[in-house]
Amino acid sequence: MPRHCRKLATALFFVVFVIVTAVAQITQPSTAQEATKGAFLLTIFLKHDQSKPHEQINAQLRIRASSRSSRQTESKS
């Protein structure tokens, strides 16, 4: 790409970036309270239980799933 095309592309990108940023600032709520009204941040940390091998964990999950499905069929009867 010729040098003058790069400069033109960079300038065009900069102009578009400035316009988009200005529009975004205009459409945002005026205060932080309005922006976060009814919203909250939830962070969940998951930890892998490394005391059991993968096969044992899968076996327990299969047992739980089968007991749940058998209870559901009994309750529908």
Protein backbone atom coordinates (compact mmCIF):
# COMPACT_ATOMS: atom_id res chain seq x y z
CA MET A 1 0.00 0.00 0.00
CA PRO A 2 1.47 3.36 -0.98
CA ARG A 3 2.41 5.72 1.80
CA HIS A 4 -0.19 8.38 0.95
CA CYS A 5 -2.96 5.74 1.03
CA ARG A 6 -1.90 4.68 4.51
CA LYS A 7 -2.00 8.27 5.72
CA LEU A 8 -5.44 8.75 4.17
CA ALA A 9 -6.73 5.51 5.73
CA THR A 10 -5.35 6.49 9.13
CA ALA A 11 -6.92 9.94 8.93
CA LEU A 12 -10.25 8.47 7.85
CA PHE A 13 -10.17 5.97 10.70
CA PHE A 14 -9.40 8.76 13.18
CA VAL A 15 -12.30 10.91 11.91
CA VAL A 16 -14.75 7.99 12.11
CA PHE A 17 -13.49 7.13 15.60
CA VAL A 18 -13.99 10.70 16.83
CA ILE A 19 -17.51 10.87 15.38
CA VAL A 20 -18.56 7.52 16.86
CA THR A 21 -17.14 8.48 20.26
CA ALA A 22 -18.96 11.82 20.23
CA VAL A 23 -22.28 10.19 19.32
CA ALA A 24 -21.81 7.57 22.03
CA GLN A 25 -21.19 10.26 24.64
CA ILE A 26 -24.29 12.17 23.59
CA THR A 27 -26.56 9.11 23.83
CA GLN A 28 -25.27 7.96 27.24
CA PRO A 29 -27.22 8.87 30.39
CA SER A 30 -26.04 12.05 32.07
CA THR A 31 -25.28 10.53 35.47
CA ALA A 32 -23.78 7.27 36.61
CA GLN A 33 -26.84 6.56 38.75
CA GLU A 34 -29.10 6.61 35.73
CA ALA A 35 -26.77 4.30 33.85
CA THR A 36 -26.65 1.71 36.64
CA LYS A 37 -30.26 1.95 37.78
CA GLY A 38 -31.56 -1.58 38.27
CA ALA A 39 -28.24 -3.17 37.30
CA PHE A 40 -25.71 -5.03 39.39
CA LEU A 41 -22.40 -6.80 38.88
CA LEU A 42 -22.23 -10.49 39.71
CA THR A 43 -18.89 -12.28 39.88
CA ILE A 44 -18.77 -16.04 40.36
CA PHE A 45 -15.55 -17.92 41.00
CA LEU A 46 -15.69 -21.61 40.17
CA LYS A 47 -13.19 -24.03 41.59
CA HIS A 48 -12.55 -27.47 40.19
CA ASP A 49 -12.67 -30.30 42.74
CA GLN A 50 -9.39 -32.09 42.05
CA SER A 51 -9.80 -34.65 44.84
CA LYS A 52 -11.86 -36.97 42.59
CA PRO A 53 -10.89 -38.38 39.21
CA HIS A 54 -12.91 -37.33 36.17
CA GLU A 55 -14.50 -40.77 35.78
CA GLN A 56 -15.83 -40.73 39.38
CA ILE A 57 -17.37 -37.28 38.92
CA ASN A 58 -19.08 -38.40 35.70
CA ALA A 59 -20.40 -41.54 37.41
CA GLN A 60 -21.95 -39.46 40.21
CA LEU A 61 -23.55 -37.12 37.67
CA ARG A 62 -25.05 -40.08 35.79
CA ILE A 63 -26.50 -41.47 39.03
CA ARG A 64 -28.03 -38.10 39.92
CA ALA A 65 -29.48 -37.68 36.43
CA SER A 66 -31.04 -41.14 36.45
CA SER A 67 -32.57 -40.62 39.90
CA ARG A 68 -34.03 -37.28 38.81
CA SER A 69 -35.55 -38.76 35.68
CA SER A 70 -37.08 -41.67 37.63
CA ARG A 71 -38.57 -39.21 40.18
CA GLN A 72 -40.05 -37.12 37.40
CA THR A 73 -41.71 -40.10 35.77
CA GLU A 74 -43.14 -41.20 39.14
CA SER A 75 -44.59 -37.75 39.84
CA LYS A 76 -46.25 -37.62 36.41
CA SER A 77 -48.01 -40.96 36.99
